[in-house]
Amino acid sequence: MPLNVGIVGLPNVGKSTIFSALTAIEAVAANYPFCTIEPNVGIVPVPDDRQDKIVALVKPNSIVPTVMEFVDIAGLVAGASKGEGLGNQFLANIRSTDATLHIVRCFEDNEIIHVAGKVDPISDIDVINTELMLADLDTVTRRHEKSAKLARTSQDSKIKNEFSALTKLLEALNAGKPARTADLTDEEKPLVRDLHLITMKPTLYVANVDEAGLKDGNAHTAAVEKRAAEEGNEVVRICGALEAEISQLDPAERDEFLKDMGVTEPGLTRLIHAAYRMLGLITYFTSGVQEVRAWTIRKGTKAPGAAGVIHTDFERGFIKADAYNCEDLFRLGSEQAVKEKGLLRSEGKEYVVKDGDILFFKFNV
């Protein structure tokens, strides 16, 4: 694709530190607000041990993982929707992303200034969410006024549906609820997609803790987890400073370091996987001696749509897909063994691709 995720939060909560660890791009990390003025963008491979296992068995000439794009955006403050801080520049940057990672400071450190003077993660969350909802409210209000005039004189069902959708969005935002809580119908949703509402995007909370709070959390993380549960969102707990150190180690040193800490994978790997789940994405593979490649699709995608991710001609001229799941390959040891067991299937246009499928497409244009 790649899909992109905006990293947001108040100044000095650890956004740039986490971004640097994620991407190995050294975003400026300084102890004052607005040290990030232009969005930093990094393309991050999605860790997938299934692809590693396929590679070990197939031994291809090249390996291409699936990726996500992370965008580190300057810190937001109260009043941003009206132009405070970096204001509209921040909001324009986040509108172009597919989802948000909301970094929340959950550690005490007198050496790191908090923009509000004290660590209060729920207050921080409320500041960010309020500003985003106010920005969306302004966008929806302006569109609603124009739509109301058209709806009064038109019998066009599309115009009527758009007005209905905007009215629902306006009611939700005026009630202090994000746009994604509005009960839009399948006919209404496409008509407001071009608004790129920020609070329509799925959100993952990232509780940035110190080392002491990593394993069992603390009072701050408990508060964030309670709020996230109320909203139906997920929380990933990581120590940004520690992850920044881990990201600088070579693989052998990293594995030993994690083992000493009693964990099996970096917190950032969990973060990436959580973001992937949040966006409703799965991975399928194409495999051969020339290349083993991972492809990103949305859950529920049928075979022709999955083929279209490779090339539009594959979707347009789709005939069939030879398919088997990577778990069968791992269990039997080779594609030939998979065939001999009768587990290689020929699937048509209605086949819904499963996470971990290995596919070979046949098409004719």
Protein backbone atom coordinates (compact mmCIF):
# COMPACT_ATOMS: atom_id res chain seq x y z
CA MET A 1 0.00 0.00 0.00
CA PRO A 2 1.76 1.14 2.31
CA LEU A 3 -0.73 2.25 4.94
CA ASN A 4 0.37 5.16 7.06
CA VAL A 5 -0.12 5.84 10.74
CA GLY A 6 0.32 9.22 12.42
CA ILE A 7 2.11 9.34 15.77
CA VAL A 8 0.38 12.01 17.87
CA GLY A 9 0.37 13.37 21.41
CA LEU A 10 1.31 16.36 23.52
CA PRO A 11 4.86 17.74 23.31
CA ASN A 12 7.50 15.79 25.26
CA VAL A 13 5.55 12.54 25.67
CA GLY A 14 8.10 10.48 23.69
CA LYS A 15 6.72 10.60 20.14
CA SER A 16 10.04 11.30 18.41
CA THR A 17 11.91 8.80 20.60
CA ILE A 18 9.45 6.06 19.70
CA PHE A 19 9.49 7.06 16.03
CA SER A 20 13.28 6.89 15.97
CA ALA A 21 13.23 3.43 17.53
CA LEU A 22 10.56 2.27 15.08
CA THR A 23 12.27 3.46 11.97
CA ALA A 24 15.94 3.88 12.90
CA ILE A 25 15.57 7.42 11.55
CA GLU A 26 16.97 9.87 14.07
CA ALA A 27 14.11 12.32 14.46
CA VAL A 28 15.17 15.28 16.61
CA ALA A 29 14.34 14.49 20.24
CA ALA A 30 14.76 17.56 22.43
CA ASN A 31 13.46 18.59 25.82
CA TYR A 32 11.19 21.41 24.64
CA PRO A 33 7.86 21.67 22.78
CA PHE A 34 7.69 21.67 18.98
CA CYS A 35 11.15 20.22 18.33
CA THR A 36 9.48 18.33 15.47
CA ILE A 37 8.26 20.94 12.99
CA GLU A 38 8.07 18.95 9.74
CA PRO A 39 6.59 15.45 9.80
CA ASN A 40 9.22 12.73 9.86
CA VAL A 41 8.22 9.77 7.74
CA GLY A 42 9.61 6.25 7.97
CA ILE A 43 8.75 3.02 6.17
CA VAL A 44 8.84 0.11 8.61
CA PRO A 45 8.90 -3.62 7.70
CA VAL A 46 6.15 -5.52 9.50
CA PRO A 47 7.90 -8.26 11.52
CA ASP A 48 6.53 -11.68 10.52
CA ASP A 49 8.26 -14.88 11.56
CA ARG A 50 6.11 -16.79 9.06
CA GLN A 51 7.94 -15.11 6.21
CA ASP A 52 11.26 -16.00 7.85
CA LYS A 53 10.18 -19.66 7.96
CA ILE A 54 9.08 -19.62 4.32
CA VAL A 55 12.43 -18.11 3.33
CA ALA A 56 14.31 -20.80 5.26
CA LEU A 57 12.48 -23.52 3.33
CA VAL A 58 12.33 -21.92 -0.14
CA LYS A 59 15.72 -20.13 -0.11
CA PRO A 60 14.69 -17.40 -2.58
CA ASN A 61 16.96 -14.93 -4.35
CA SER A 62 15.18 -11.97 -2.75
CA ILE A 63 12.89 -11.22 0.19
CA VAL A 64 10.33 -8.41 0.34
CA PRO A 65 8.39 -7.86 3.58
CA THR A 66 5.15 -5.96 3.85
CA VAL A 67 5.52 -2.49 5.31
CA MET A 68 3.78 0.29 7.20
CA GLU A 69 4.50 4.00 7.04
CA PHE A 70 4.81 5.92 10.30
CA VAL A 71 4.58 9.71 10.45
CA ASP A 72 5.89 11.59 13.50
CA ILE A 73 3.87 14.78 13.79
CA ALA A 74 4.67 17.85 15.90
CA GLY A 75 3.16 17.96 19.40
CA LEU A 76 -0.38 19.23 19.81
CA VAL A 77 -1.48 21.63 22.55
CA ALA A 78 -4.79 23.00 23.79
CA GLY A 79 -6.12 25.48 21.24
CA ALA A 80 -4.53 23.77 18.22
CA SER A 81 -7.89 23.64 16.44
CA LYS A 82 -7.85 27.46 16.60
CA GLY A 83 -4.23 27.79 15.54
CA GLU A 84 -2.32 27.50 18.83
CA GLY A 85 1.13 25.89 18.68
CA LEU A 86 1.54 24.49 15.21
CA GLY A 87 -2.25 24.36 14.89
CA ASN A 88 -3.55 23.86 11.40
CA GLN A 89 -0.21 22.60 10.10
CA PHE A 90 -0.42 19.67 12.51
CA LEU A 91 -4.02 18.98 11.63
CA ALA A 92 -3.34 19.00 7.90
CA ASN A 93 -0.58 16.43 8.38
CA ILE A 94 -2.70 14.04 10.42
CA ARG A 95 -5.68 14.21 8.05
CA SER A 96 -3.66 12.35 5.42
CA THR A 97 -2.97 9.31 7.64
CA ASP A 98 -5.02 6.11 7.88
CA ALA A 99 -4.93 5.79 11.68
CA THR A 100 -3.39 7.38 14.75
CA LEU A 101 -0.99 6.13 17.40
CA HIS A 102 -1.74 8.28 20.42
CA ILE A 103 1.38 8.39 22.61
CA VAL A 104 0.56 9.05 26.26
CA ARG A 105 3.21 9.84 28.86
CA CYS A 106 2.91 7.39 31.75
CA PHE A 107 6.19 8.01 33.59
CA GLU A 108 7.47 10.54 36.12
CA ASP A 109 10.75 12.33 35.42
CA ASN A 110 11.54 15.76 36.80
CA GLU A 111 14.24 16.19 34.15
CA ILE A 112 11.72 16.02 31.29
CA ILE A 113 9.37 18.98 31.17
CA HIS A 114 5.64 18.28 30.85
CA VAL A 115 3.86 20.97 28.86
CA ALA A 116 1.08 21.15 31.49
CA GLY A 117 3.44 21.02 34.45
CA LYS A 118 2.40 17.59 35.73
CA VAL A 119 1.93 14.03 34.44
CA ASP A 120 -1.80 13.35 34.03
CA PRO A 121 -2.43 10.94 31.12
CA ILE A 122 -6.22 11.27 31.16
CA SER A 123 -6.01 15.03 30.98
CA ASP A 124 -3.49 14.67 28.15
CA ILE A 125 -5.82 12.33 26.27
CA ASP A 126 -8.73 14.74 26.74
CA VAL A 127 -6.70 17.67 25.39
CA ILE A 128 -5.75 15.80 22.23
CA ASN A 129 -9.20 14.29 21.65
CA THR A 130 -10.97 17.61 22.26
CA GLU A 131 -8.78 19.45 19.77
CA LEU A 132 -9.27 16.77 17.15
CA MET A 133 -13.05 16.78 17.65
CA LEU A 134 -13.17 20.58 17.48
CA ALA A 135 -11.26 20.51 14.20
CA ASP A 136 -13.67 17.91 12.81
CA LEU A 137 -16.66 19.87 14.11
CA ASP A 138 -15.52 22.92 12.17
CA THR A 139 -15.13 20.84 8.99
CA VAL A 140 -18.53 19.13 9.36
CA THR A 141 -20.36 22.35 10.29
CA ARG A 142 -19.20 24.13 7.14
CA ARG A 143 -20.15 21.17 4.91
CA HIS A 144 -23.47 20.70 6.74
CA GLU A 145 -24.51 24.29 6.06
CA LYS A 146 -23.95 23.84 2.32
CA SER A 147 -25.61 20.42 2.27
CA ALA A 148 -28.71 21.70 4.12
CA LYS A 149 -29.40 24.23 1.37
CA LEU A 150 -29.18 21.59 -1.34
CA ALA A 151 -31.22 19.02 0.60
CA ARG A 152 -34.14 21.45 0.98
CA THR A 153 -34.66 21.78 -2.77
CA SER A 154 -33.33 18.51 -4.21
CA GLN A 155 -34.92 15.08 -4.51
CA ASP A 156 -31.56 13.45 -5.30
CA SER A 157 -31.08 10.50 -2.92
CA LYS A 158 -27.32 11.06 -2.85
CA ILE A 159 -27.75 14.63 -1.60
CA LYS A 160 -30.34 13.47 0.96
CA ASN A 161 -28.00 10.72 2.22
CA GLU A 162 -25.09 13.12 2.48
CA PHE A 163 -27.16 15.54 4.54
CA SER A 164 -28.28 12.70 6.80
CA ALA A 165 -24.67 11.57 7.32
CA LEU A 166 -23.50 15.11 8.09
CA THR A 167 -26.35 15.59 10.57
CA LYS A 168 -25.36 12.41 12.41
CA LEU A 169 -21.71 13.47 12.48
CA LEU A 170 -22.66 16.92 13.76
CA GLU A 171 -24.75 15.41 16.57
CA ALA A 172 -21.92 13.10 17.64
CA LEU A 173 -19.24 15.81 17.62
CA ASN A 174 -21.47 18.33 19.43
CA ALA A 175 -21.99 15.67 22.11
CA GLY A 176 -18.20 15.41 22.56
CA LYS A 177 -17.94 12.05 20.81
CA PRO A 178 -15.54 11.17 17.96
CA ALA A 179 -16.90 11.01 14.42
CA ARG A 180 -16.40 7.23 14.28
CA THR A 181 -19.21 6.80 16.84
CA ALA A 182 -21.82 8.24 14.45
CA ASP A 183 -24.20 5.52 13.24
CA LEU A 184 -23.72 5.95 9.49
CA THR A 185 -25.32 3.59 6.98
CA ASP A 186 -23.37 1.85 4.22
CA GLU A 187 -24.89 4.33 1.76
CA GLU A 188 -23.84 7.33 3.85
CA LYS A 189 -20.24 6.42 4.68
CA PRO A 190 -18.74 6.93 1.17
CA LEU A 191 -20.41 10.35 0.88
CA VAL A 192 -18.37 11.88 3.73
CA ARG A 193 -15.11 10.03 3.17
CA ASP A 194 -13.61 13.02 1.36
CA LEU A 195 -13.85 15.06 4.58
CA HIS A 196 -10.93 13.03 5.98
CA LEU A 197 -12.21 13.47 9.52
CA ILE A 198 -9.47 12.88 12.07
CA THR A 199 -11.71 11.31 14.71
CA MET A 200 -13.11 8.91 12.14
CA LYS A 201 -9.71 7.18 12.10
CA PRO A 202 -9.05 4.17 14.35
CA THR A 203 -6.80 4.99 17.34
CA LEU A 204 -4.26 2.91 19.24
CA TYR A 205 -3.04 4.21 22.59
CA VAL A 206 0.64 3.75 23.39
CA ALA A 207 1.46 4.07 27.09
CA ASN A 208 5.05 5.28 27.25
CA VAL A 209 6.47 4.06 30.58
CA ASP A 210 9.82 3.90 32.32
CA GLU A 211 11.53 0.55 32.89
CA ALA A 212 9.89 0.11 36.29
CA GLY A 213 6.43 0.33 34.73
CA LEU A 214 7.08 -1.91 31.75
CA LYS A 215 6.11 -5.30 33.17
CA ASP A 216 3.23 -4.57 35.53
CA GLY A 217 2.35 -0.99 34.64
CA ASN A 218 1.57 1.74 37.13
CA ALA A 219 -1.28 4.02 38.18
CA HIS A 220 -0.92 6.03 34.97
CA THR A 221 -1.14 3.00 32.66
CA ALA A 222 -4.13 1.67 34.62
CA ALA A 223 -5.95 4.95 33.94
CA VAL A 224 -5.12 4.84 30.23
CA GLU A 225 -6.19 1.20 29.93
CA LYS A 226 -9.51 2.00 31.64
CA ARG A 227 -10.17 4.90 29.27
CA ALA A 228 -9.20 2.85 26.22
CA ALA A 229 -11.52 0.01 27.26
CA GLU A 230 -14.39 2.49 27.57
CA GLU A 231 -13.69 3.67 24.01
CA GLY A 232 -13.20 0.16 22.62
CA ASN A 233 -9.53 0.88 21.85
CA GLU A 234 -6.37 -1.11 22.51
CA VAL A 235 -3.34 -0.07 24.58
CA VAL A 236 0.27 -1.12 24.02
CA ARG A 237 2.67 -0.50 26.90
CA ILE A 238 6.26 0.25 25.90
CA CYS A 239 9.32 2.01 27.29
CA GLY A 240 10.37 4.39 24.54
CA ALA A 241 13.83 5.08 25.97
CA LEU A 242 14.55 1.36 26.30
CA GLU A 243 13.26 0.61 22.80
CA ALA A 244 15.54 3.31 21.41
CA GLU A 245 18.50 1.47 22.99
CA ILE A 246 17.33 -1.93 21.69
CA SER A 247 16.95 -0.58 18.16
CA GLN A 248 20.68 0.24 18.06
CA LEU A 249 21.78 -3.34 18.89
CA ASP A 250 22.63 -5.97 16.31
CA PRO A 251 20.21 -8.97 16.19
CA ALA A 252 22.34 -11.27 18.40
CA GLU A 253 22.83 -8.61 21.08
CA ARG A 254 19.16 -7.66 20.90
CA ASP A 255 17.98 -11.24 21.43
CA GLU A 256 20.32 -11.65 24.41
CA PHE A 257 19.17 -8.33 25.87
CA LEU A 258 15.49 -9.30 25.54
CA LYS A 259 16.18 -12.70 27.06
CA ASP A 260 17.83 -11.08 30.08
CA MET A 261 14.72 -8.93 30.49
CA GLY A 262 12.44 -11.97 30.28
CA VAL A 263 10.59 -10.88 27.10
CA THR A 264 10.41 -12.55 23.70
CA GLU A 265 10.11 -9.57 21.37
CA PRO A 266 10.65 -5.80 21.41
CA GLY A 267 7.71 -3.67 22.48
CA LEU A 268 7.84 -1.97 19.09
CA THR A 269 7.11 -5.29 17.37
CA ARG A 270 3.97 -5.57 19.50
CA LEU A 271 3.12 -1.99 18.59
CA ILE A 272 3.43 -2.63 14.85
CA HIS A 273 1.33 -5.80 15.06
CA ALA A 274 -1.31 -4.00 17.11
CA ALA A 275 -1.46 -1.21 14.53
CA TYR A 276 -1.82 -3.84 11.82
CA ARG A 277 -4.74 -5.47 13.66
CA MET A 278 -6.32 -2.08 14.33
CA LEU A 279 -6.46 -1.38 10.61
CA GLY A 280 -8.05 -4.78 9.92
CA LEU A 281 -5.13 -5.98 7.82
CA ILE A 282 -3.82 -9.45 7.05
CA THR A 283 -0.85 -10.77 5.13
CA TYR A 284 -0.63 -13.25 2.29
CA PHE A 285 2.54 -14.43 0.57
CA THR A 286 3.80 -15.17 -2.91
CA SER A 287 6.62 -17.67 -2.87
CA GLY A 288 9.18 -18.98 -5.34
CA VAL A 289 12.90 -19.31 -5.85
CA GLN A 290 13.06 -15.81 -7.33
CA GLU A 291 11.26 -14.06 -4.49
CA VAL A 292 9.31 -14.55 -1.28
CA ARG A 293 7.10 -11.52 -0.76
CA ALA A 294 4.50 -10.47 1.80
CA TRP A 295 1.43 -8.52 0.66
CA THR A 296 -0.95 -6.42 2.75
CA ILE A 297 -4.71 -6.70 2.23
CA ARG A 298 -7.78 -5.93 4.28
CA LYS A 299 -9.46 -8.80 6.06
CA GLY A 300 -12.31 -10.13 3.93
CA THR A 301 -10.64 -9.41 0.57
CA LYS A 302 -11.49 -11.90 -2.16
CA ALA A 303 -8.88 -13.50 -4.42
CA PRO A 304 -9.22 -11.03 -7.35
CA GLY A 305 -8.79 -8.08 -4.99
CA ALA A 306 -5.72 -9.68 -3.44
CA ALA A 307 -4.31 -10.18 -6.94
CA GLY A 308 -4.98 -6.51 -7.69
CA VAL A 309 -2.58 -5.48 -4.92
CA ILE A 310 0.21 -6.95 -7.06
CA HIS A 311 -1.03 -5.40 -10.31
CA THR A 312 -4.38 -4.17 -11.59
CA ASP A 313 -4.02 -6.50 -14.60
CA PHE A 314 -3.98 -9.48 -12.22
CA GLU A 315 -7.38 -8.45 -10.89
CA ARG A 316 -8.85 -7.50 -14.25
CA GLY A 317 -7.85 -10.78 -15.91
CA PHE A 318 -8.16 -13.04 -12.85
CA ILE A 319 -8.80 -16.71 -13.67
CA LYS A 320 -7.97 -18.57 -10.47
CA ALA A 321 -5.56 -18.75 -7.54
CA ASP A 322 -3.62 -21.80 -6.46
CA ALA A 323 -3.62 -21.58 -2.67
CA TYR A 324 -2.40 -23.25 0.48
CA ASN A 325 -1.68 -21.98 3.98
CA CYS A 326 1.86 -21.41 5.21
CA GLU A 327 1.17 -23.63 8.26
CA ASP A 328 0.83 -26.61 5.91
CA LEU A 329 4.22 -25.75 4.42
CA PHE A 330 5.82 -25.55 7.86
CA ARG A 331 4.30 -28.87 8.92
CA LEU A 332 5.20 -30.78 5.74
CA GLY A 333 8.46 -29.06 4.82
CA SER A 334 8.00 -28.37 1.10
CA GLU A 335 5.45 -27.26 -1.48
CA GLN A 336 5.80 -30.63 -3.19
CA ALA A 337 4.75 -32.37 0.03
CA VAL A 338 1.79 -29.98 0.30
CA LYS A 339 0.72 -30.99 -3.22
CA GLU A 340 1.13 -34.69 -2.50
CA LYS A 341 -1.15 -34.37 0.53
CA GLY A 342 -3.80 -32.72 -1.66
CA LEU A 343 -3.64 -29.44 0.28
CA LEU A 344 -2.92 -27.21 -2.74
CA ARG A 345 -6.33 -25.86 -3.77
CA SER A 346 -7.60 -24.10 -6.87
CA GLU A 347 -9.72 -21.16 -5.77
CA GLY A 348 -12.02 -18.91 -7.82
CA LYS A 349 -13.29 -15.33 -7.66
CA GLU A 350 -15.36 -15.79 -4.50
CA TYR A 351 -12.52 -17.15 -2.37
CA VAL A 352 -11.83 -14.96 0.69
CA VAL A 353 -8.08 -14.87 1.26
CA LYS A 354 -6.94 -16.02 4.71
CA ASP A 355 -4.11 -14.63 6.80
CA GLY A 356 -0.96 -16.62 6.00
CA ASP A 357 -2.14 -17.96 2.63
CA ILE A 358 0.50 -18.61 -0.03
CA LEU A 359 -1.00 -17.77 -3.42
CA PHE A 360 -0.08 -18.17 -7.06
CA PHE A 361 -2.36 -16.26 -9.44
CA LYS A 362 -3.34 -17.20 -12.97
CA PHE A 363 -4.76 -14.47 -15.14
CA ASN A 364 -5.38 -13.49 -18.75
CA VAL A 365 -5.67 -9.91 -20.00
